[in-house]
Amino acid sequence: MVLIVFYAIVGAKFYYQKKYNINGFTLGVLMSGTALFLDVLITVPFVEIPEGRSYESFFTSPILWTLAFINAFSVYWYWHRKIKTS
């Protein structure tokens, strides 16, 4: 879970270097949404289904949604501390 915070902050830092002004929460939700969309296209069909699991078991996992929330919150926190205050 520590790495998800690191990757979220690195992604936000890279994004905000371009001087975009999107709200941090919105960016965090977009980043998490993109990851979930890629899970639909790649992770579930090529990793989960061959292991005998399903879309339902993957997307009802509390760990997945915890990581998505942590990602969105980390991006918001970075935006609030580094971008909004400057």
PDB file of N, CA and C in Angstrom:
ATOM      1  N   MET A   1       0.819  -1.188   0.000  1.00  0.00           N
ATOM      2  CA  MET A   1       0.000   0.000   0.000  1.00  0.00           C
ATOM      3  C   MET A   1       0.860   1.248   0.000  1.00  0.00           C
ATOM      4  N   VAL A   2       2.055   1.140   0.521  1.00  0.00           N
ATOM      5  CA  VAL A   2       2.952   2.293   0.538  1.00  0.00           C
ATOM      6  C   VAL A   2       3.329   2.677  -0.884  1.00  0.00           C
ATOM      7  N   LEU A   3       3.527   1.684  -1.740  1.00  0.00           N
ATOM      8  CA  LEU A   3       3.908   1.975  -3.119  1.00  0.00           C
ATOM      9  C   LEU A   3       2.807   2.679  -3.890  1.00  0.00           C
ATOM     10  N   ILE A   4       1.547   2.411  -3.575  1.00  0.00           N
ATOM     11  CA  ILE A   4       0.459   3.081  -4.276  1.00  0.00           C
ATOM     12  C   ILE A   4       0.503   4.576  -3.996  1.00  0.00           C
ATOM     13  N   VAL A   5       0.854   4.961  -2.787  1.00  0.00           N
ATOM     14  CA  VAL A   5       0.995   6.381  -2.447  1.00  0.00           C
ATOM     15  C   VAL A   5       2.152   6.979  -3.234  1.00  0.00           C
ATOM     16  N   PHE A   6       3.266   6.277  -3.269  1.00  0.00           N
ATOM     17  CA  PHE A   6       4.437   6.765  -4.006  1.00  0.00           C
ATOM     18  C   PHE A   6       4.110   6.964  -5.482  1.00  0.00           C
ATOM     19  N   TYR A   7       3.487   5.958  -6.111  1.00  0.00           N
ATOM     20  CA  TYR A   7       3.163   6.056  -7.532  1.00  0.00           C
ATOM     21  C   TYR A   7       2.125   7.141  -7.807  1.00  0.00           C
ATOM     22  N   ALA A   8       1.177   7.321  -6.917  1.00  0.00           N
ATOM     23  CA  ALA A   8       0.173   8.367  -7.091  1.00  0.00           C
ATOM     24  C   ALA A   8       0.814   9.746  -7.032  1.00  0.00           C
ATOM     25  N   ILE A   9       1.711   9.940  -6.084  1.00  0.00           N
ATOM     26  CA  ILE A   9       2.369  11.248  -5.954  1.00  0.00           C
ATOM     27  C   ILE A   9       3.294  11.502  -7.131  1.00  0.00           C
ATOM     28  N   VAL A  10       4.019  10.488  -7.571  1.00  0.00           N
ATOM     29  CA  VAL A  10       4.890  10.651  -8.745  1.00  0.00           C
ATOM     30  C   VAL A  10       4.052  10.990  -9.976  1.00  0.00           C
ATOM     31  N   GLY A  11       2.931  10.297 -10.155  1.00  0.00           N
ATOM     32  CA  GLY A  11       2.052  10.583 -11.289  1.00  0.00           C
ATOM     33  C   GLY A  11       1.483  11.988 -11.230  1.00  0.00           C
ATOM     34  N   ALA A  12       1.056  12.417 -10.049  1.00  0.00           N
ATOM     35  CA  ALA A  12       0.519  13.764  -9.888  1.00  0.00           C
ATOM     36  C   ALA A  12       1.605  14.817 -10.138  1.00  0.00           C
ATOM     37  N   LYS A  13       2.787  14.564  -9.611  1.00  0.00           N
ATOM     38  CA  LYS A  13       3.893  15.507  -9.814  1.00  0.00           C
ATOM     39  C   LYS A  13       4.211  15.640 -11.301  1.00  0.00           C
ATOM     40  N   PHE A  14       4.249  14.528 -12.006  1.00  0.00           N
ATOM     41  CA  PHE A  14       4.504  14.543 -13.443  1.00  0.00           C
ATOM     42  C   PHE A  14       3.398  15.310 -14.174  1.00  0.00           C
ATOM     43  N   TYR A  15       2.154  15.073 -13.796  1.00  0.00           N
ATOM     44  CA  TYR A  15       1.019  15.738 -14.443  1.00  0.00           C
ATOM     45  C   TYR A  15       1.052  17.242 -14.211  1.00  0.00           C
ATOM     46  N   TYR A  16       1.285  17.656 -12.977  1.00  0.00           N
ATOM     47  CA  TYR A  16       1.244  19.081 -12.650  1.00  0.00           C
ATOM     48  C   TYR A  16       2.479  19.843 -13.121  1.00  0.00           C
ATOM     49  N   GLN A  17       3.517  19.173 -13.590  1.00  0.00           N
ATOM     50  CA  GLN A  17       4.658  19.865 -14.176  1.00  0.00           C
ATOM     51  C   GLN A  17       4.253  20.611 -15.441  1.00  0.00           C
ATOM     52  N   LYS A  18       3.183  20.165 -16.080  1.00  0.00           N
ATOM     53  CA  LYS A  18       2.694  20.796 -17.305  1.00  0.00           C
ATOM     54  C   LYS A  18       1.861  22.042 -17.014  1.00  0.00           C
ATOM     55  N   LYS A  19       1.743  22.414 -15.752  1.00  0.00           N
ATOM     56  CA  LYS A  19       1.001  23.598 -15.310  1.00  0.00           C
ATOM     57  C   LYS A  19      -0.502  23.489 -15.532  1.00  0.00           C
ATOM     58  N   TYR A  20      -1.046  22.267 -15.485  1.00  0.00           N
ATOM     59  CA  TYR A  20      -2.492  22.088 -15.545  1.00  0.00           C
ATOM     60  C   TYR A  20      -3.095  22.450 -14.202  1.00  0.00           C
ATOM     61  N   ASN A  21      -4.336  22.884 -14.194  1.00  0.00           N
ATOM     62  CA  ASN A  21      -4.973  23.340 -12.959  1.00  0.00           C
ATOM     63  C   ASN A  21      -6.154  22.490 -12.523  1.00  0.00           C
ATOM     64  N   ILE A  22      -6.231  21.248 -12.951  1.00  0.00           N
ATOM     65  CA  ILE A  22      -7.355  20.398 -12.568  1.00  0.00           C
ATOM     66  C   ILE A  22      -7.304  20.113 -11.062  1.00  0.00           C
ATOM     67  N   ASN A  23      -8.470  20.045 -10.460  1.00  0.00           N
ATOM     68  CA  ASN A  23      -8.585  19.757  -9.038  1.00  0.00           C
ATOM     69  C   ASN A  23      -7.951  18.405  -8.732  1.00  0.00           C
ATOM     70  N   GLY A  24      -7.277  18.305  -7.605  1.00  0.00           N
ATOM     71  CA  GLY A  24      -6.579  17.084  -7.235  1.00  0.00           C
ATOM     72  C   GLY A  24      -7.487  15.890  -7.048  1.00  0.00           C
ATOM     73  N   PHE A  25      -8.675  16.112  -6.486  1.00  0.00           N
ATOM     74  CA  PHE A  25      -9.605  15.004  -6.313  1.00  0.00           C
ATOM     75  C   PHE A  25     -10.070  14.474  -7.666  1.00  0.00           C
ATOM     76  N   THR A  26     -10.364  15.393  -8.581  1.00  0.00           N
ATOM     77  CA  THR A  26     -10.784  14.993  -9.929  1.00  0.00           C
ATOM     78  C   THR A  26      -9.686  14.204 -10.618  1.00  0.00           C
ATOM     79  N   LEU A  27      -8.460  14.679 -10.518  1.00  0.00           N
ATOM     80  CA  LEU A  27      -7.341  13.966 -11.124  1.00  0.00           C
ATOM     81  C   LEU A  27      -7.164  12.593 -10.489  1.00  0.00           C
ATOM     82  N   GLY A  28      -7.282  12.506  -9.186  1.00  0.00           N
ATOM     83  CA  GLY A  28      -7.156  11.217  -8.503  1.00  0.00           C
ATOM     84  C   GLY A  28      -8.215  10.221  -8.935  1.00  0.00           C
ATOM     85  N   VAL A  29      -9.451  10.698  -9.079  1.00  0.00           N
ATOM     86  CA  VAL A  29     -10.533   9.824  -9.536  1.00  0.00           C
ATOM     87  C   VAL A  29     -10.284   9.395 -10.988  1.00  0.00           C
ATOM     88  N   LEU A  30      -9.806  10.321 -11.825  1.00  0.00           N
ATOM     89  CA  LEU A  30      -9.479   9.967 -13.215  1.00  0.00           C
ATOM     90  C   LEU A  30      -8.358   8.934 -13.284  1.00  0.00           C
ATOM     91  N   MET A  31      -7.349   9.103 -12.457  1.00  0.00           N
ATOM     92  CA  MET A  31      -6.251   8.135 -12.438  1.00  0.00           C
ATOM     93  C   MET A  31      -6.735   6.763 -11.965  1.00  0.00           C
ATOM     94  N   SER A  32      -7.529   6.740 -10.920  1.00  0.00           N
ATOM     95  CA  SER A  32      -8.064   5.472 -10.428  1.00  0.00           C
ATOM     96  C   SER A  32      -9.005   4.845 -11.449  1.00  0.00           C
ATOM     97  N   GLY A  33      -9.823   5.675 -12.095  1.00  0.00           N
ATOM     98  CA  GLY A  33     -10.730   5.184 -13.122  1.00  0.00           C
ATOM     99  C   GLY A  33      -9.991   4.587 -14.307  1.00  0.00           C
ATOM    100  N   THR A  34      -8.898   5.223 -14.688  1.00  0.00           N
ATOM    101  CA  THR A  34      -8.082   4.692 -15.781  1.00  0.00           C
ATOM    102  C   THR A  34      -7.497   3.335 -15.397  1.00  0.00           C
ATOM    103  N   ALA A  35      -7.016   3.224 -14.183  1.00  0.00           N
ATOM    104  CA  ALA A  35      -6.463   1.946 -13.721  1.00  0.00           C
ATOM    105  C   ALA A  35      -7.541   0.861 -13.700  1.00  0.00           C
ATOM    106  N   LEU A  36      -8.729   1.207 -13.248  1.00  0.00           N
ATOM    107  CA  LEU A  36      -9.824   0.236 -13.215  1.00  0.00           C
ATOM    108  C   LEU A  36     -10.242  -0.175 -14.628  1.00  0.00           C
ATOM    109  N   PHE A  37     -10.249   0.776 -15.549  1.00  0.00           N
ATOM    110  CA  PHE A  37     -10.577   0.464 -16.941  1.00  0.00           C
ATOM    111  C   PHE A  37      -9.547  -0.498 -17.536  1.00  0.00           C
ATOM    112  N   LEU A  38      -8.279  -0.255 -17.233  1.00  0.00           N
ATOM    113  CA  LEU A  38      -7.237  -1.166 -17.714  1.00  0.00           C
ATOM    114  C   LEU A  38      -7.356  -2.537 -17.051  1.00  0.00           C
ATOM    115  N   ASP A  39      -7.819  -2.569 -15.812  1.00  0.00           N
ATOM    116  CA  ASP A  39      -8.078  -3.856 -15.162  1.00  0.00           C
ATOM    117  C   ASP A  39      -9.156  -4.633 -15.914  1.00  0.00           C
ATOM    118  N   VAL A  40     -10.186  -3.915 -16.370  1.00  0.00           N
ATOM    119  CA  VAL A  40     -11.251  -4.567 -17.137  1.00  0.00           C
ATOM    120  C   VAL A  40     -10.697  -5.171 -18.417  1.00  0.00           C
ATOM    121  N   LEU A  41      -9.807  -4.437 -19.087  1.00  0.00           N
ATOM    122  CA  LEU A  41      -9.295  -4.879 -20.381  1.00  0.00           C
ATOM    123  C   LEU A  41      -8.144  -5.875 -20.300  1.00  0.00           C
ATOM    124  N   ILE A  42      -7.316  -5.776 -19.268  1.00  0.00           N
ATOM    125  CA  ILE A  42      -6.081  -6.561 -19.237  1.00  0.00           C
ATOM    126  C   ILE A  42      -6.018  -7.513 -18.044  1.00  0.00           C
ATOM    127  N   THR A  43      -6.099  -6.985 -16.849  1.00  0.00           N
ATOM    128  CA  THR A  43      -5.851  -7.791 -15.652  1.00  0.00           C
ATOM    129  C   THR A  43      -6.840  -8.939 -15.489  1.00  0.00           C
ATOM    130  N   VAL A  44      -8.115  -8.624 -15.563  1.00  0.00           N
ATOM    131  CA  VAL A  44      -9.106  -9.674 -15.321  1.00  0.00           C
ATOM    132  C   VAL A  44      -9.066 -10.757 -16.405  1.00  0.00           C
ATOM    133  N   PRO A  45      -9.102 -10.400 -17.708  1.00  0.00           N
ATOM    134  CA  PRO A  45      -9.120 -11.480 -18.704  1.00  0.00           C
ATOM    135  C   PRO A  45      -7.839 -12.304 -18.765  1.00  0.00           C
ATOM    136  N   PHE A  46      -6.699 -11.672 -18.513  1.00  0.00           N
ATOM    137  CA  PHE A  46      -5.435 -12.388 -18.697  1.00  0.00           C
ATOM    138  C   PHE A  46      -4.815 -12.925 -17.410  1.00  0.00           C
ATOM    139  N   VAL A  47      -5.278 -12.462 -16.263  1.00  0.00           N
ATOM    140  CA  VAL A  47      -4.713 -12.931 -14.992  1.00  0.00           C
ATOM    141  C   VAL A  47      -5.773 -13.606 -14.125  1.00  0.00           C
ATOM    142  N   GLU A  48      -6.864 -12.944 -13.911  1.00  0.00           N
ATOM    143  CA  GLU A  48      -7.871 -13.447 -12.974  1.00  0.00           C
ATOM    144  C   GLU A  48      -8.669 -14.619 -13.536  1.00  0.00           C
ATOM    145  N   ILE A  49      -9.187 -14.488 -14.742  1.00  0.00           N
ATOM    146  CA  ILE A  49     -10.013 -15.552 -15.319  1.00  0.00           C
ATOM    147  C   ILE A  49      -9.223 -16.851 -15.511  1.00  0.00           C
ATOM    148  N   PRO A  50      -7.982 -16.819 -16.015  1.00  0.00           N
ATOM    149  CA  PRO A  50      -7.233 -18.083 -16.098  1.00  0.00           C
ATOM    150  C   PRO A  50      -6.987 -18.753 -14.734  1.00  0.00           C
ATOM    151  N   GLU A  51      -7.013 -17.976 -13.669  1.00  0.00           N
ATOM    152  CA  GLU A  51      -6.841 -18.524 -12.325  1.00  0.00           C
ATOM    153  C   GLU A  51      -8.159 -19.019 -11.720  1.00  0.00           C
ATOM    154  N   GLY A  52      -9.242 -18.936 -12.492  1.00  0.00           N
ATOM    155  CA  GLY A  52     -10.526 -19.434 -12.017  1.00  0.00           C
ATOM    156  C   GLY A  52     -11.382 -18.398 -11.318  1.00  0.00           C
ATOM    157  N   ARG A  53     -10.965 -17.159 -11.332  1.00  0.00           N
ATOM    158  CA  ARG A  53     -11.763 -16.102 -10.706  1.00  0.00           C
ATOM    159  C   ARG A  53     -12.573 -15.380 -11.782  1.00  0.00           C
ATOM    160  N   SER A  54     -13.377 -14.417 -11.382  1.00  0.00           N
ATOM    161  CA  SER A  54     -14.260 -13.730 -12.318  1.00  0.00           C
ATOM    162  C   SER A  54     -14.150 -12.217 -12.150  1.00  0.00           C
ATOM    163  N   TYR A  55     -14.840 -11.513 -13.055  1.00  0.00           N
ATOM    164  CA  TYR A  55     -14.926 -10.056 -12.928  1.00  0.00           C
ATOM    165  C   TYR A  55     -15.560  -9.686 -11.594  1.00  0.00           C
ATOM    166  N   GLU A  56     -16.586 -10.414 -11.243  1.00  0.00           N
ATOM    167  CA  GLU A  56     -17.290 -10.114  -9.996  1.00  0.00           C
ATOM    168  C   GLU A  56     -16.377 -10.264  -8.783  1.00  0.00           C
ATOM    169  N   SER A  57     -15.623 -11.341  -8.723  1.00  0.00           N
ATOM    170  CA  SER A  57     -14.747 -11.536  -7.564  1.00  0.00           C
ATOM    171  C   SER A  57     -13.644 -10.479  -7.525  1.00  0.00           C
ATOM    172  N   PHE A  58     -13.179 -10.047  -8.683  1.00  0.00           N
ATOM    173  CA  PHE A  58     -12.133  -9.028  -8.730  1.00  0.00           C
ATOM    174  C   PHE A  58     -12.663  -7.672  -8.280  1.00  0.00           C
ATOM    175  N   PHE A  59     -13.822  -7.287  -8.827  1.00  0.00           N
ATOM    176  CA  PHE A  59     -14.330  -5.945  -8.548  1.00  0.00           C
ATOM    177  C   PHE A  59     -15.139  -5.835  -7.261  1.00  0.00           C
ATOM    178  N   THR A  60     -15.367  -6.928  -6.573  1.00  0.00           N
ATOM    179  CA  THR A  60     -15.996  -6.843  -5.252  1.00  0.00           C
ATOM    180  C   THR A  60     -14.976  -6.988  -4.128  1.00  0.00           C
ATOM    181  N   SER A  61     -13.717  -7.036  -4.490  1.00  0.00           N
ATOM    182  CA  SER A  61     -12.657  -7.143  -3.487  1.00  0.00           C
ATOM    183  C   SER A  61     -12.495  -5.804  -2.751  1.00  0.00           C
ATOM    184  N   PRO A  62     -12.581  -5.811  -1.433  1.00  0.00           N
ATOM    185  CA  PRO A  62     -12.390  -4.567  -0.677  1.00  0.00           C
ATOM    186  C   PRO A  62     -10.980  -3.991  -0.838  1.00  0.00           C
ATOM    187  N   ILE A  63     -10.016  -4.838  -1.078  1.00  0.00           N
ATOM    188  CA  ILE A  63      -8.641  -4.346  -1.245  1.00  0.00           C
ATOM    189  C   ILE A  63      -8.530  -3.471  -2.492  1.00  0.00           C
ATOM    190  N   LEU A  64      -9.181  -3.871  -3.569  1.00  0.00           N
ATOM    191  CA  LEU A  64      -9.161  -3.081  -4.799  1.00  0.00           C
ATOM    192  C   LEU A  64      -9.700  -1.681  -4.553  1.00  0.00           C
ATOM    193  N   TRP A  65     -10.831  -1.591  -3.891  1.00  0.00           N
ATOM    194  CA  TRP A  65     -11.455  -0.291  -3.656  1.00  0.00           C
ATOM    195  C   TRP A  65     -10.692   0.526  -2.613  1.00  0.00           C
ATOM    196  N   THR A  66     -10.053  -0.151  -1.683  1.00  0.00           N
ATOM    197  CA  THR A  66      -9.191   0.555  -0.732  1.00  0.00           C
ATOM    198  C   THR A  66      -8.014   1.193  -1.459  1.00  0.00           C
ATOM    199  N   LEU A  67      -7.385   0.440  -2.365  1.00  0.00           N
ATOM    200  CA  LEU A  67      -6.266   0.976  -3.141  1.00  0.00           C
ATOM    201  C   LEU A  67      -6.709   2.124  -4.051  1.00  0.00           C
ATOM    202  N   ALA A  68      -7.881   2.010  -4.657  1.00  0.00           N
ATOM    203  CA  ALA A  68      -8.395   3.091  -5.511  1.00  0.00           C
ATOM    204  C   ALA A  68      -8.623   4.357  -4.683  1.00  0.00           C
ATOM    205  N   PHE A  69      -9.176   4.193  -3.473  1.00  0.00           N
ATOM    206  CA  PHE A  69      -9.395   5.350  -2.600  1.00  0.00           C
ATOM    207  C   PHE A  69      -8.074   5.962  -2.159  1.00  0.00           C
ATOM    208  N   ILE A  70      -7.123   5.124  -1.771  1.00  0.00           N
ATOM    209  CA  ILE A  70      -5.815   5.631  -1.344  1.00  0.00           C
ATOM    210  C   ILE A  70      -5.142   6.385  -2.479  1.00  0.00           C
ATOM    211  N   ASN A  71      -5.258   5.874  -3.699  1.00  0.00           N
ATOM    212  CA  ASN A  71      -4.681   6.549  -4.851  1.00  0.00           C
ATOM    213  C   ASN A  71      -5.306   7.928  -5.042  1.00  0.00           C
ATOM    214  N   ALA A  72      -6.635   7.990  -5.057  1.00  0.00           N
ATOM    215  CA  ALA A  72      -7.320   9.269  -5.256  1.00  0.00           C
ATOM    216  C   ALA A  72      -6.999  10.247  -4.127  1.00  0.00           C
ATOM    217  N   PHE A  73      -6.983   9.764  -2.902  1.00  0.00           N
ATOM    218  CA  PHE A  73      -6.674  10.629  -1.768  1.00  0.00           C
ATOM    219  C   PHE A  73      -5.234  11.135  -1.819  1.00  0.00           C
ATOM    220  N   SER A  74      -4.297  10.293  -2.238  1.00  0.00           N
ATOM    221  CA  SER A  74      -2.889  10.698  -2.317  1.00  0.00           C
ATOM    222  C   SER A  74      -2.695  11.800  -3.346  1.00  0.00           C
ATOM    223  N   VAL A  75      -3.370  11.682  -4.473  1.00  0.00           N
ATOM    224  CA  VAL A  75      -3.274  12.728  -5.507  1.00  0.00           C
ATOM    225  C   VAL A  75      -3.892  14.013  -4.982  1.00  0.00           C
ATOM    226  N   TYR A  76      -5.049  13.892  -4.324  1.00  0.00           N
ATOM    227  CA  TYR A  76      -5.668  15.081  -3.736  1.00  0.00           C
ATOM    228  C   TYR A  76      -4.745  15.710  -2.707  1.00  0.00           C
ATOM    229  N   TRP A  77      -4.144  14.928  -1.847  1.00  0.00           N
ATOM    230  CA  TRP A  77      -3.237  15.447  -0.816  1.00  0.00           C
ATOM    231  C   TRP A  77      -2.061  16.178  -1.461  1.00  0.00           C
ATOM    232  N   TYR A  78      -1.474  15.589  -2.504  1.00  0.00           N
ATOM    233  CA  TYR A  78      -0.359  16.249  -3.198  1.00  0.00           C
ATOM    234  C   TYR A  78      -0.820  17.588  -3.770  1.00  0.00           C
ATOM    235  N   TRP A  79      -1.957  17.588  -4.424  1.00  0.00           N
ATOM    236  CA  TRP A  79      -2.489  18.822  -5.020  1.00  0.00           C
ATOM    237  C   TRP A  79      -2.740  19.881  -3.947  1.00  0.00           C
ATOM    238  N   HIS A  80      -3.339  19.457  -2.842  1.00  0.00           N
ATOM    239  CA  HIS A  80      -3.662  20.392  -1.763  1.00  0.00           C
ATOM    240  C   HIS A  80      -2.399  20.989  -1.134  1.00  0.00           C
ATOM    241  N   ARG A  81      -1.362  20.182  -0.950  1.00  0.00           N
ATOM    242  CA  ARG A  81      -0.136  20.633  -0.284  1.00  0.00           C
ATOM    243  C   ARG A  81       0.809  21.395  -1.217  1.00  0.00           C
ATOM    244  N   LYS A  82       0.900  20.978  -2.483  1.00  0.00           N
ATOM    245  CA  LYS A  82       1.927  21.533  -3.369  1.00  0.00           C
ATOM    246  C   LYS A  82       1.384  22.482  -4.433  1.00  0.00           C
ATOM    247  N   ILE A  83       0.207  22.236  -4.942  1.00  0.00           N
ATOM    248  CA  ILE A  83      -0.306  23.003  -6.071  1.00  0.00           C
ATOM    249  C   ILE A  83      -1.262  24.098  -5.622  1.00  0.00           C
ATOM    250  N   LYS A  84      -2.243  23.739  -4.827  1.00  0.00           N
ATOM    251  CA  LYS A  84      -3.255  24.701  -4.399  1.00  0.00           C
ATOM    252  C   LYS A  84      -2.659  25.834  -3.582  1.00  0.00           C
ATOM    253  N   THR A  85      -1.671  25.538  -2.770  1.00  0.00           N
ATOM    254  CA  THR A  85      -1.099  26.553  -1.884  1.00  0.00           C
ATOM    255  C   THR A  85      -0.083  27.449  -2.589  1.00  0.00           C
ATOM    256  N   SER A  86       0.348  27.052  -3.780  1.00  0.00           N
ATOM    257  CA  SER A  86       1.352  27.902  -4.461  1.00  0.00           C
ATOM    258  C   SER A  86       0.718  28.936  -5.340  1.00  0.00           C
TER     259      SER A  86
END
